[in-house]
């Protein structure tokens, strides 16, 4: 699938020092590969940030969809692209999971893409359908333990981040739940709304309206802190599964070998955009937590996540060839 959307802003006045320092980069639109379908959380996050960068710098960016195979197609395209500073990749936690899930990759390490900036984190909510009539995560765990295999959960497919995050939940809560894979979380959400599923783990953005309408019941958020957009929902620590952390992050990476000065410039622009009040407000309203870190810290996050999720994947015996 191939689609380009141009986000540009020209004719803005820059200070002479900034214009002089950056006049030669980027000297054409920067291509941003999106490994997933348009309109998803990562797409929304990057558009929000890139629009601000374009306004601040007058530079142009082109978002190009390369979706399919749980992100593999887009990531493959990114790792094979020229490291000239004019290709970026919308990257999420899935990138760190793929090497443990698939042997047919031409890369087997997260350093195949160089970190530019992590933009947001999106903690997962543990949601059930109202018909279960459970008032807390502890209630659901007790019910599920008493009925092993009776309750099912949905994911965006075998090896998807929602699948693996729920497998970790099963391991840490000592549960036996039946997995029902779908082609995407849009289908899984529709299934739980139609009483075909019992539980899903997902970020707040796709389900916030259903929560407000009482069609889905959030039992906990899998993060160290509560969400500002759902302050009454306890963390997994508070709800009875100490230490359970799951969710997604979204950031930008570049092909390995991209010049450091380009990566540093892009990182500074991302940080500046994220500090903008209107950008932060828009992201927080969507249940996304703006993140700031150095490029080195982002690289360490990818490396640590690869090790963590590889262990979960091995324990669950998962493969997604």
Protein backbone atom coordinates (compact mmCIF):
# COMPACT_ATOMS: atom_id res chain seq x y z
CA UNK A 1 0.00 0.00 0.00
CA UNK A 2 1.49 3.33 -1.00
CA UNK A 3 0.18 6.76 -0.15
CA UNK A 4 1.82 10.15 0.28
CA UNK A 5 0.53 13.12 2.19
CA UNK A 6 2.58 16.30 2.15
CA UNK A 7 2.83 18.45 5.24
CA UNK A 8 4.60 21.68 4.45
CA UNK A 9 4.85 25.25 5.49
CA UNK A 10 6.94 27.63 3.42
CA UNK A 11 7.79 31.28 3.56
CA UNK A 12 8.26 31.49 7.32
CA UNK A 13 10.89 33.87 8.62
CA UNK A 14 13.75 32.22 10.49
CA UNK A 15 16.41 33.88 12.53
CA UNK A 16 19.57 34.42 10.53
CA UNK A 17 21.61 32.07 12.69
CA UNK A 18 19.18 29.17 12.42
CA UNK A 19 18.65 29.73 8.70
CA UNK A 20 22.38 29.81 8.10
CA UNK A 21 23.07 26.70 10.15
CA UNK A 22 20.29 24.60 8.63
CA UNK A 23 19.83 26.03 5.12
CA UNK A 24 21.35 22.94 3.51
CA UNK A 25 19.32 20.35 5.49
CA UNK A 26 16.87 19.11 4.65
CA UNK A 27 17.10 20.39 1.09
CA UNK A 28 14.07 18.44 -0.15
CA UNK A 29 10.98 16.90 1.49
CA UNK A 30 11.86 14.35 4.16
CA UNK A 31 10.07 11.06 3.51
CA UNK A 32 8.48 9.53 6.63
CA UNK A 33 7.57 5.86 6.24
CA UNK A 34 4.47 4.71 8.13
CA UNK A 35 4.56 0.91 8.62
CA UNK A 36 0.90 0.84 9.64
CA UNK A 37 -2.46 1.90 8.26
CA UNK A 38 -3.18 5.65 8.05
CA UNK A 39 -5.24 7.12 10.87
CA UNK A 40 -3.67 5.01 13.60
CA UNK A 41 -2.13 6.36 16.79
CA UNK A 42 1.37 6.59 15.36
CA UNK A 43 0.13 8.40 12.27
CA UNK A 44 -1.80 10.92 14.38
CA UNK A 45 1.15 11.52 16.71
CA UNK A 46 3.67 12.10 13.93
CA UNK A 47 1.34 14.36 11.95
CA UNK A 48 0.77 16.49 15.03
CA UNK A 49 4.49 16.85 15.71
CA UNK A 50 5.58 17.22 12.09
CA UNK A 51 3.04 19.95 11.40
CA UNK A 52 4.58 21.95 14.24
CA UNK A 53 8.11 21.30 13.01
CA UNK A 54 7.11 22.43 9.54
CA UNK A 55 5.62 25.62 10.97
CA UNK A 56 8.78 26.25 13.00
CA UNK A 57 11.30 25.59 10.24
CA UNK A 58 9.59 25.97 6.86
CA UNK A 59 10.79 22.46 5.92
CA UNK A 60 8.60 19.88 4.16
CA UNK A 61 7.83 16.30 5.10
CA UNK A 62 6.03 13.55 3.15
CA UNK A 63 4.29 10.73 5.00
CA UNK A 64 4.34 7.54 2.93
CA UNK A 65 2.30 4.51 3.97
CA UNK A 66 4.11 1.16 3.70
CA UNK A 67 1.74 -1.00 5.71
CA UNK A 68 1.42 -4.75 6.05
CA UNK A 69 2.81 -7.82 7.84
CA UNK A 70 2.52 -6.29 11.33
CA UNK A 71 4.84 -3.45 10.36
CA UNK A 72 7.51 -5.64 8.76
CA UNK A 73 7.09 -4.15 5.27
CA UNK A 74 7.56 -0.57 6.42
CA UNK A 75 10.45 -1.39 8.72
CA UNK A 76 12.18 -3.38 5.98
CA UNK A 77 11.83 -0.39 3.65
CA UNK A 78 13.29 1.88 6.30
CA UNK A 79 16.29 -0.30 7.07
CA UNK A 80 17.07 -0.59 3.34
CA UNK A 81 16.74 3.15 2.60
CA UNK A 82 19.67 5.48 1.92
CA UNK A 83 21.02 7.00 5.16
CA UNK A 84 21.04 10.53 3.77
CA UNK A 85 18.77 12.16 6.34
CA UNK A 86 15.80 12.32 3.98
CA UNK A 87 14.07 9.12 5.13
CA UNK A 88 12.53 8.62 8.57
CA UNK A 89 10.40 5.78 9.94
CA UNK A 90 7.43 5.98 12.31
CA UNK A 91 8.56 3.42 14.87
CA UNK A 92 6.77 1.77 17.76
CA UNK A 93 7.32 -1.09 20.18
CA UNK A 94 6.50 -3.60 17.42
CA UNK A 95 9.93 -2.96 15.90
CA UNK A 96 11.59 -4.33 19.03
CA UNK A 97 9.42 -7.48 18.98
CA UNK A 98 9.84 -8.57 15.38
CA UNK A 99 13.32 -10.17 15.65
CA UNK A 100 12.08 -12.60 18.32
CA UNK A 101 8.91 -13.35 16.36
CA UNK A 102 10.28 -13.80 12.86
CA UNK A 103 13.41 -15.45 11.54
CA UNK A 104 12.88 -14.14 7.99
CA UNK A 105 14.17 -10.63 8.64
CA UNK A 106 17.25 -9.11 7.10
CA UNK A 107 17.84 -7.29 10.37
CA UNK A 108 18.04 -8.90 13.79
CA UNK A 109 18.95 -5.93 15.97
CA UNK A 110 17.25 -2.67 16.88
CA UNK A 111 20.34 -0.73 15.79
CA UNK A 112 19.25 -1.30 12.17
CA UNK A 113 17.36 1.97 12.67
CA UNK A 114 19.00 4.90 14.44
CA UNK A 115 16.97 6.67 17.14
CA UNK A 116 15.81 10.19 16.36
CA UNK A 117 13.24 10.94 19.07
CA UNK A 118 10.61 9.16 21.10
CA UNK A 119 7.45 11.26 20.92
CA UNK A 120 4.80 9.73 23.17
CA UNK A 121 3.98 6.74 25.31
CA UNK A 122 0.57 5.08 25.19
CA UNK A 123 -0.09 2.85 28.23
CA UNK A 124 -2.53 0.02 27.67
CA UNK A 125 -5.85 -0.20 29.44
CA UNK A 126 -7.28 -3.52 30.56
CA UNK A 127 -10.91 -3.39 29.39
CA UNK A 128 -13.84 -5.75 29.77
CA UNK A 129 -17.39 -5.76 28.48
CA UNK A 130 -19.99 -4.48 30.96
CA UNK A 131 -21.96 -7.73 30.82
CA UNK A 132 -19.27 -9.46 32.89
CA UNK A 133 -20.38 -7.29 35.82
CA UNK A 134 -16.93 -7.10 37.42
CA UNK A 135 -16.06 -4.01 39.41
CA UNK A 136 -12.31 -4.40 39.61
CA UNK A 137 -9.34 -6.14 38.06
CA UNK A 138 -9.10 -8.36 41.11
CA UNK A 139 -12.69 -9.48 40.53
CA UNK A 140 -11.95 -10.35 36.92
CA UNK A 141 -8.79 -12.28 37.85
CA UNK A 142 -10.68 -14.31 40.45
CA UNK A 143 -13.44 -15.08 37.95
CA UNK A 144 -10.97 -16.07 35.23
CA UNK A 145 -8.94 -18.28 37.56
CA UNK A 146 -12.12 -20.06 38.62
CA UNK A 147 -13.00 -20.69 34.95
CA UNK A 148 -9.74 -21.42 33.09
CA UNK A 149 -10.08 -21.03 29.32
CA UNK A 150 -13.67 -19.77 29.49
CA UNK A 151 -12.86 -16.12 28.87
CA UNK A 152 -11.30 -14.86 25.67
CA UNK A 153 -9.34 -11.84 24.56
CA UNK A 154 -8.78 -10.21 21.19
CA UNK A 155 -5.70 -8.89 19.46
CA UNK A 156 -4.59 -7.38 16.16
CA UNK A 157 -3.21 -10.78 15.15
CA UNK A 158 -0.63 -13.35 16.21
CA UNK A 159 2.52 -11.55 17.24
CA UNK A 160 0.87 -8.13 17.45
CA UNK A 161 1.76 -5.87 20.35
CA UNK A 162 -1.70 -6.36 21.90
CA UNK A 163 -1.26 -10.14 21.68
CA UNK A 164 2.15 -10.13 23.34
CA UNK A 165 1.12 -7.60 26.01
CA UNK A 166 -1.86 -9.78 26.92
CA UNK A 167 0.37 -12.86 27.05
CA UNK A 168 2.52 -11.00 29.58
CA UNK A 169 -0.64 -10.14 31.55
CA UNK A 170 -1.63 -13.82 31.53
CA UNK A 171 1.82 -14.81 32.76
CA UNK A 172 1.94 -12.27 35.57
CA UNK A 173 -1.69 -12.74 36.68
CA UNK A 174 -1.47 -16.55 36.26
CA UNK A 175 -4.48 -16.78 33.95
CA UNK A 176 -5.59 -19.03 31.12
CA UNK A 177 -7.43 -16.90 28.56
CA UNK A 178 -8.32 -17.93 25.00
CA UNK A 179 -6.75 -15.85 22.23
CA UNK A 180 -8.92 -14.64 19.32
CA UNK A 181 -6.77 -12.92 16.65
CA UNK A 182 -8.21 -10.32 14.29
CA UNK A 183 -6.78 -8.40 11.34
CA UNK A 184 -6.52 -5.27 13.47
CA UNK A 185 -7.65 -3.76 16.74
CA UNK A 186 -10.54 -2.00 15.01
CA UNK A 187 -12.08 -5.44 14.45
CA UNK A 188 -11.24 -6.53 18.00
CA UNK A 189 -12.93 -3.47 19.47
CA UNK A 190 -16.00 -4.13 17.33
CA UNK A 191 -16.02 -7.73 18.58
CA UNK A 192 -15.94 -6.83 22.27
CA UNK A 193 -18.66 -4.22 21.69
CA UNK A 194 -20.67 -7.03 20.09
CA UNK A 195 -20.16 -9.28 23.13
CA UNK A 196 -17.90 -11.66 21.19
CA UNK A 197 -14.89 -10.97 23.42
CA UNK A 198 -14.46 -10.61 27.16
CA UNK A 199 -11.29 -8.55 27.51
CA UNK A 200 -8.88 -6.48 25.43
CA UNK A 201 -5.70 -4.55 26.13
CA UNK A 202 -5.37 -1.38 24.09
CA UNK A 203 -4.36 2.28 24.27
CA UNK A 204 -7.02 4.83 25.15
CA UNK A 205 -7.24 6.63 21.79
CA UNK A 206 -9.38 4.06 19.89
CA UNK A 207 -11.72 3.36 22.83
CA UNK A 208 -12.17 6.63 24.73
CA UNK A 209 -15.62 7.29 23.27
CA UNK A 210 -16.78 3.76 24.17
CA UNK A 211 -15.53 4.18 27.73
CA UNK A 212 -17.40 7.46 28.11
CA UNK A 213 -20.54 5.81 26.75
CA UNK A 214 -20.24 2.95 29.26
CA UNK A 215 -19.83 0.36 26.51
CA UNK A 216 -16.41 -0.73 27.80
CA UNK A 217 -15.23 -0.93 31.40
CA UNK A 218 -11.59 -0.03 32.16
CA UNK A 219 -10.25 -2.05 35.08
CA UNK A 220 -6.68 -0.78 35.20
CA UNK A 221 -3.97 1.05 33.29
CA UNK A 222 -0.68 -0.83 32.81
CA UNK A 223 1.62 2.05 33.75
CA UNK A 224 3.31 3.36 36.90
CA UNK A 225 0.99 6.39 37.05
CA UNK A 226 -2.69 6.92 36.42
CA UNK A 227 -3.75 8.63 33.21
CA UNK A 228 -4.68 12.29 33.54
CA UNK A 229 -7.54 11.67 31.11
CA UNK A 230 -8.89 8.78 33.28
CA UNK A 231 -7.80 9.73 36.80
CA UNK A 232 -10.20 7.36 38.57
CA UNK A 233 -8.83 4.23 36.87
CA UNK A 234 -6.21 2.52 39.05
CA UNK A 235 -2.81 1.35 37.88
CA UNK A 236 -2.10 -2.36 37.61
CA UNK A 237 -0.02 -2.02 40.79
CA UNK A 238 -3.03 -0.63 42.64
CA UNK A 239 -5.43 -3.11 41.07
CA UNK A 240 -3.63 -6.31 42.03
CA UNK A 241 -0.95 -7.12 39.41
CA UNK A 242 2.17 -5.46 40.84
CA UNK A 243 4.82 -4.50 38.31
CA UNK A 244 2.71 -5.14 35.22
CA UNK A 245 3.69 -2.64 32.53
CA UNK A 246 2.46 -2.74 28.96
CA UNK A 247 1.74 -0.30 26.24
CA UNK A 248 3.24 1.30 23.22
CA UNK A 249 5.53 4.17 22.42
CA UNK A 250 5.81 6.04 19.15
CA UNK A 251 8.88 7.76 17.82
CA UNK A 252 10.95 8.51 14.76
CA UNK A 253 14.01 6.61 13.60
CA UNK A 254 16.29 6.80 10.56
CA UNK A 255 18.31 4.28 8.52
CA UNK A 256 21.53 3.21 10.18
CA UNK A 257 24.39 5.44 9.07
CA UNK A 258 22.39 8.66 8.83
CA UNK A 259 24.77 11.54 9.70
CA UNK A 260 24.73 12.45 13.38
CA UNK A 261 24.29 16.15 12.68
CA UNK A 262 21.03 15.41 10.82
CA UNK A 263 19.78 13.17 13.62
CA UNK A 264 20.62 15.82 16.20
CA UNK A 265 18.82 18.54 14.22
CA UNK A 266 15.72 16.37 13.88
CA UNK A 267 15.81 15.51 17.59
CA UNK A 268 15.96 19.18 18.56
CA UNK A 269 13.01 19.97 16.32
CA UNK A 270 10.94 17.14 17.81
CA UNK A 271 11.72 18.26 21.36
CA UNK A 272 10.79 21.84 20.51
CA UNK A 273 7.50 20.73 18.94
CA UNK A 274 6.65 18.58 21.97
CA UNK A 275 7.21 21.54 24.27
CA UNK A 276 4.52 23.50 22.43
CA UNK A 277 1.40 23.92 24.61
CA UNK A 278 -1.01 23.21 21.75
CA UNK A 279 0.85 20.02 20.77
CA UNK A 280 0.95 18.77 24.36
CA UNK A 281 -2.72 19.59 24.87
CA UNK A 282 -3.76 17.72 21.76
CA UNK A 283 -1.72 14.64 22.64
CA UNK A 284 -2.85 14.55 26.28
CA UNK A 285 -6.48 14.91 25.22
CA UNK A 286 -6.01 11.76 23.13
CA UNK A 287 -4.69 9.84 26.15
CA UNK A 288 -1.10 9.99 24.89
CA UNK A 289 1.74 11.01 27.18
CA UNK A 290 4.33 13.32 25.54
CA UNK A 291 7.80 11.91 26.09
CA UNK A 292 11.21 13.50 26.14
CA UNK A 293 14.55 11.74 26.09
CA UNK A 294 17.95 11.94 24.48
CA UNK A 295 18.66 9.94 21.37
CA UNK A 296 20.89 7.70 23.44
CA UNK A 297 18.11 7.06 25.95
CA UNK A 298 15.70 6.22 23.14
CA UNK A 299 18.21 3.74 21.73
CA UNK A 300 18.56 2.15 25.17
CA UNK A 301 14.76 1.88 25.43
CA UNK A 302 14.63 0.00 22.13
CA UNK A 303 17.45 -2.32 23.20
CA UNK A 304 15.88 -3.03 26.61
CA UNK A 305 12.43 -3.60 25.11
CA UNK A 306 13.84 -6.08 22.60
CA UNK A 307 15.26 -8.17 25.46
CA UNK A 308 12.12 -7.89 27.60
CA UNK A 309 9.66 -8.84 24.88
CA UNK A 310 11.89 -11.62 23.54
CA UNK A 311 11.63 -13.26 26.96
CA UNK A 312 7.82 -12.95 26.97
CA UNK A 313 7.65 -14.33 23.42
CA UNK A 314 9.87 -17.32 24.27
CA UNK A 315 7.87 -18.09 27.41
CA UNK A 316 4.60 -18.01 25.47
CA UNK A 317 6.09 -20.03 22.61
CA UNK A 318 5.03 -17.51 19.97
CA UNK A 319 6.10 -17.33 16.32
CA UNK A 320 4.67 -15.16 13.57
CA UNK A 321 6.26 -16.24 10.30
